[in-house]
Amino acid sequence: MAKRIFISIIIGIIVISGVIYYQQSTKIQDIREGQSQSEQDVNGEKQNQNEIANWKTYQDLRYGFKIKYPEFWKLISTEMNQCFKIEINNIDSPCTVLTVTVCPNNPEKLNIKEYRTKNYGWGYMGEYLVTFNGIEGVRVHTDPISISCKSDSISFTEGIFVYDIDITWSNLVDKNILENILNSFNFENLE
């Protein structure tokens, strides 16, 4: 009996050690990617702006927005009920996706905090107010989708429309590209 308990304790220690090692190695990888990304940000900012200038542009006249994305990424648009959705995927990284969903769910033309408070309550998801291309929005850091995929969302209202933009990434390089795509989102002519 004592031998079984001893073996169980040893197996437990090995499993816990493996989990801790995995978590620490993931943190170290994120730190290294962050350092390498910081160096790239400093050294490659001008090059990055040139690359973005050469990206494809998606423009939607009905919902009055445009967004730029890398030429080797795939864009899919779909209609669903009264809503419209585009999905921009990095075909080389299945976890890396930016989704824009637009729905005419705001007939009272509420600002985003009023809209979310009325429909969902406020504060239950750790949301915080941000300014997104001159418009007040709400950003939420969501729970990881999987061990390797992380996600954020930003929501805002413009007129009767509610815009939800979700980004999912697996590494800091992809997150930086997604943030650049997100920052390229602009309204054209909303009336």
Protein backbone atom coordinates (compact mmCIF):
# COMPACT_ATOMS: atom_id res chain seq x y z
CA MET A 1 0.00 0.00 0.00
CA ALA A 2 2.78 2.43 0.93
CA LYS A 3 4.54 1.55 -2.33
CA ARG A 4 1.42 2.49 -4.37
CA ILE A 5 1.12 5.81 -2.54
CA PHE A 6 4.81 6.50 -3.16
CA ILE A 7 4.48 5.68 -6.89
CA SER A 8 1.33 7.85 -7.14
CA ILE A 9 3.18 10.77 -5.54
CA ILE A 10 6.14 10.36 -7.93
CA ILE A 11 3.80 10.22 -10.97
CA GLY A 12 1.95 13.29 -9.66
CA ILE A 13 5.22 15.21 -9.26
CA ILE A 14 6.30 14.25 -12.79
CA VAL A 15 2.96 15.38 -14.29
CA ILE A 16 2.95 18.67 -12.36
CA SER A 17 6.59 19.29 -13.34
CA GLY A 18 5.72 18.69 -16.98
CA VAL A 19 2.83 21.15 -16.85
CA ILE A 20 4.99 23.81 -15.15
CA TYR A 21 7.79 23.24 -17.66
CA TYR A 22 5.35 23.64 -20.58
CA GLN A 23 3.88 26.85 -19.15
CA GLN A 24 7.32 28.33 -18.49
CA SER A 25 8.65 27.40 -21.95
CA THR A 26 5.57 29.01 -23.53
CA LYS A 27 6.18 32.21 -21.51
CA ILE A 28 9.85 32.23 -22.52
CA GLN A 29 8.87 31.76 -26.18
CA ASP A 30 6.37 34.65 -25.91
CA ILE A 31 9.06 36.84 -24.30
CA ARG A 32 11.57 35.95 -27.05
CA GLU A 33 8.97 36.61 -29.74
CA GLY A 34 8.13 39.90 -28.01
CA GLN A 35 11.79 40.93 -27.91
CA SER A 36 12.29 39.97 -31.53
CA GLN A 37 9.05 41.80 -32.40
CA SER A 38 10.24 44.91 -30.51
CA GLU A 39 13.50 44.86 -32.48
CA GLN A 40 11.51 44.45 -35.69
CA ASP A 41 9.24 47.36 -34.66
CA VAL A 42 12.25 49.65 -34.17
CA ASN A 43 14.25 48.51 -37.21
CA GLY A 44 11.43 47.75 -39.59
CA GLU A 45 8.83 50.44 -38.96
CA LYS A 46 9.39 52.11 -42.33
CA GLN A 47 9.48 48.77 -44.12
CA ASN A 48 6.28 47.77 -42.31
CA GLN A 49 4.49 50.91 -43.52
CA ASN A 50 5.56 50.14 -47.09
CA GLU A 51 4.30 46.56 -46.79
CA ILE A 52 0.93 47.75 -45.48
CA ALA A 53 0.67 50.25 -48.33
CA ASN A 54 0.95 47.30 -50.74
CA TRP A 55 -1.75 45.21 -49.05
CA LYS A 56 -5.09 44.45 -50.70
CA THR A 57 -8.04 46.64 -49.75
CA TYR A 58 -11.55 45.35 -49.09
CA GLN A 59 -14.22 48.03 -49.38
CA ASP A 60 -17.87 47.61 -48.48
CA LEU A 61 -20.09 50.42 -49.72
CA ARG A 62 -23.25 49.14 -48.05
CA TYR A 63 -21.72 49.23 -44.55
CA GLY A 64 -19.35 52.08 -45.35
CA PHE A 65 -15.98 50.68 -44.36
CA LYS A 66 -12.71 49.54 -45.81
CA ILE A 67 -9.94 47.39 -44.43
CA LYS A 68 -6.49 46.40 -45.71
CA TYR A 69 -4.98 42.93 -45.44
CA PRO A 70 -1.86 41.08 -46.67
CA GLU A 71 -2.12 39.87 -50.26
CA PHE A 72 -1.41 36.23 -49.35
CA TRP A 73 -4.28 36.13 -46.82
CA LYS A 74 -7.75 34.89 -47.76
CA LEU A 75 -10.93 36.98 -47.39
CA ILE A 76 -14.38 35.39 -47.22
CA SER A 77 -17.61 37.37 -46.93
CA THR A 78 -20.97 35.93 -45.90
CA GLU A 79 -24.51 37.11 -45.21
CA MET A 80 -26.20 35.66 -42.15
CA ASN A 81 -29.74 36.66 -41.20
CA GLN A 82 -29.62 40.46 -41.14
CA CYS A 83 -25.89 40.52 -40.46
CA PHE A 84 -22.84 40.65 -42.68
CA LYS A 85 -19.48 39.04 -41.92
CA ILE A 86 -16.01 39.06 -43.43
CA GLU A 87 -13.26 36.75 -42.32
CA ILE A 88 -9.61 37.41 -43.16
CA ASN A 89 -7.42 34.33 -42.63
CA ASN A 90 -3.71 33.72 -42.72
CA ILE A 91 -3.73 30.55 -44.83
CA ASP A 92 -0.37 29.52 -43.35
CA SER A 93 -1.58 29.78 -39.76
CA PRO A 94 -5.10 28.41 -39.18
CA CYS A 95 -5.33 30.05 -35.76
CA THR A 96 -4.74 33.56 -37.18
CA VAL A 97 -8.05 35.18 -38.16
CA LEU A 98 -9.67 38.62 -38.13
CA THR A 99 -13.47 38.68 -38.34
CA VAL A 100 -15.69 41.73 -38.85
CA THR A 101 -19.41 41.23 -38.17
CA VAL A 102 -21.87 44.05 -38.85
CA CYS A 103 -25.49 43.86 -37.67
CA PRO A 104 -28.28 46.47 -37.72
CA ASN A 105 -29.05 45.81 -34.05
CA ASN A 106 -28.94 49.39 -32.75
CA PRO A 107 -32.16 51.16 -33.85
CA GLU A 108 -31.87 53.60 -30.93
CA LYS A 109 -28.38 54.64 -32.12
CA LEU A 110 -26.88 54.13 -28.66
CA ASN A 111 -23.16 54.57 -28.06
CA ILE A 112 -21.30 51.33 -27.39
CA LYS A 113 -21.34 51.53 -23.59
CA GLU A 114 -25.09 52.24 -23.55
CA TYR A 115 -25.67 49.43 -26.07
CA ARG A 116 -23.66 46.84 -24.13
CA THR A 117 -25.15 47.92 -20.79
CA LYS A 118 -28.68 47.59 -22.17
CA ASN A 119 -28.10 44.25 -23.92
CA TYR A 120 -25.47 42.47 -21.83
CA GLY A 121 -24.83 44.41 -18.63
CA TRP A 122 -21.53 46.13 -18.02
CA GLY A 123 -18.34 44.79 -16.50
CA TYR A 124 -18.97 41.07 -16.55
CA MET A 125 -16.30 40.37 -19.19
CA GLY A 126 -13.58 42.80 -18.08
CA GLU A 127 -14.32 45.10 -20.99
CA TYR A 128 -12.83 48.57 -21.16
CA LEU A 129 -13.45 51.62 -23.30
CA VAL A 130 -11.03 52.45 -26.11
CA THR A 131 -10.98 54.92 -28.95
CA PHE A 132 -10.90 53.06 -32.24
CA ASN A 133 -10.18 55.21 -35.30
CA GLY A 134 -11.90 58.15 -33.62
CA ILE A 135 -14.92 56.14 -32.41
CA GLU A 136 -15.54 55.00 -28.85
CA GLY A 137 -15.38 51.23 -28.62
CA VAL A 138 -15.15 48.42 -26.11
CA ARG A 139 -12.21 46.02 -26.10
CA VAL A 140 -12.37 42.65 -24.39
CA HIS A 141 -9.49 40.24 -23.82
CA THR A 142 -11.25 36.90 -24.11
CA ASP A 143 -10.21 33.55 -22.73
CA PRO A 144 -7.78 31.53 -24.87
CA ILE A 145 -9.53 29.41 -27.48
CA SER A 146 -6.92 26.70 -27.06
CA ILE A 147 -3.44 26.31 -25.61
CA SER A 148 -1.92 27.96 -28.68
CA CYS A 149 -4.68 30.39 -29.79
CA LYS A 150 -5.46 33.67 -28.01
CA SER A 151 -8.17 36.19 -28.90
CA ASP A 152 -9.46 39.73 -28.38
CA SER A 153 -12.53 41.52 -29.58
CA ILE A 154 -13.47 45.13 -30.12
CA SER A 155 -17.04 46.34 -30.54
CA PHE A 156 -18.46 49.72 -31.46
CA THR A 157 -21.61 51.27 -32.81
CA GLU A 158 -22.04 53.58 -35.75
CA GLY A 159 -25.59 54.70 -36.45
CA ILE A 160 -27.89 51.66 -36.34
CA PHE A 161 -25.01 49.24 -36.88
CA VAL A 162 -23.06 47.25 -34.30
CA TYR A 163 -19.57 46.26 -35.42
CA ASP A 164 -17.79 43.36 -33.74
CA ILE A 165 -14.20 42.72 -34.73
CA ASP A 166 -12.52 39.59 -33.36
CA ILE A 167 -8.86 38.72 -33.70
CA THR A 168 -7.33 35.31 -32.98
CA TRP A 169 -3.59 34.62 -33.08
CA SER A 170 -1.03 32.03 -32.08
CA ASN A 171 2.14 34.14 -31.85
CA LEU A 172 3.17 37.77 -31.42
CA VAL A 173 4.20 38.22 -35.07
CA ASP A 174 0.69 37.23 -36.22
CA LYS A 175 -0.86 39.42 -33.50
CA ASN A 176 1.14 42.40 -34.78
CA ILE A 177 -0.10 41.78 -38.34
CA LEU A 178 -3.68 41.49 -37.05
CA GLU A 179 -3.31 44.76 -35.12
CA ASN A 180 -2.07 46.43 -38.34
CA ILE A 181 -5.11 45.06 -40.20
CA LEU A 182 -7.34 46.28 -37.38
CA ASN A 183 -5.73 49.73 -37.49
CA SER A 184 -6.38 49.94 -41.24
CA PHE A 185 -10.16 49.67 -40.64
CA ASN A 186 -11.76 52.98 -41.64
CA PHE A 187 -15.21 54.28 -42.32
CA GLU A 188 -15.88 55.63 -45.78
CA ASN A 189 -19.27 57.31 -45.86
CA LEU A 190 -21.80 56.32 -43.24
CA GLU A 191 -25.07 58.22 -43.30
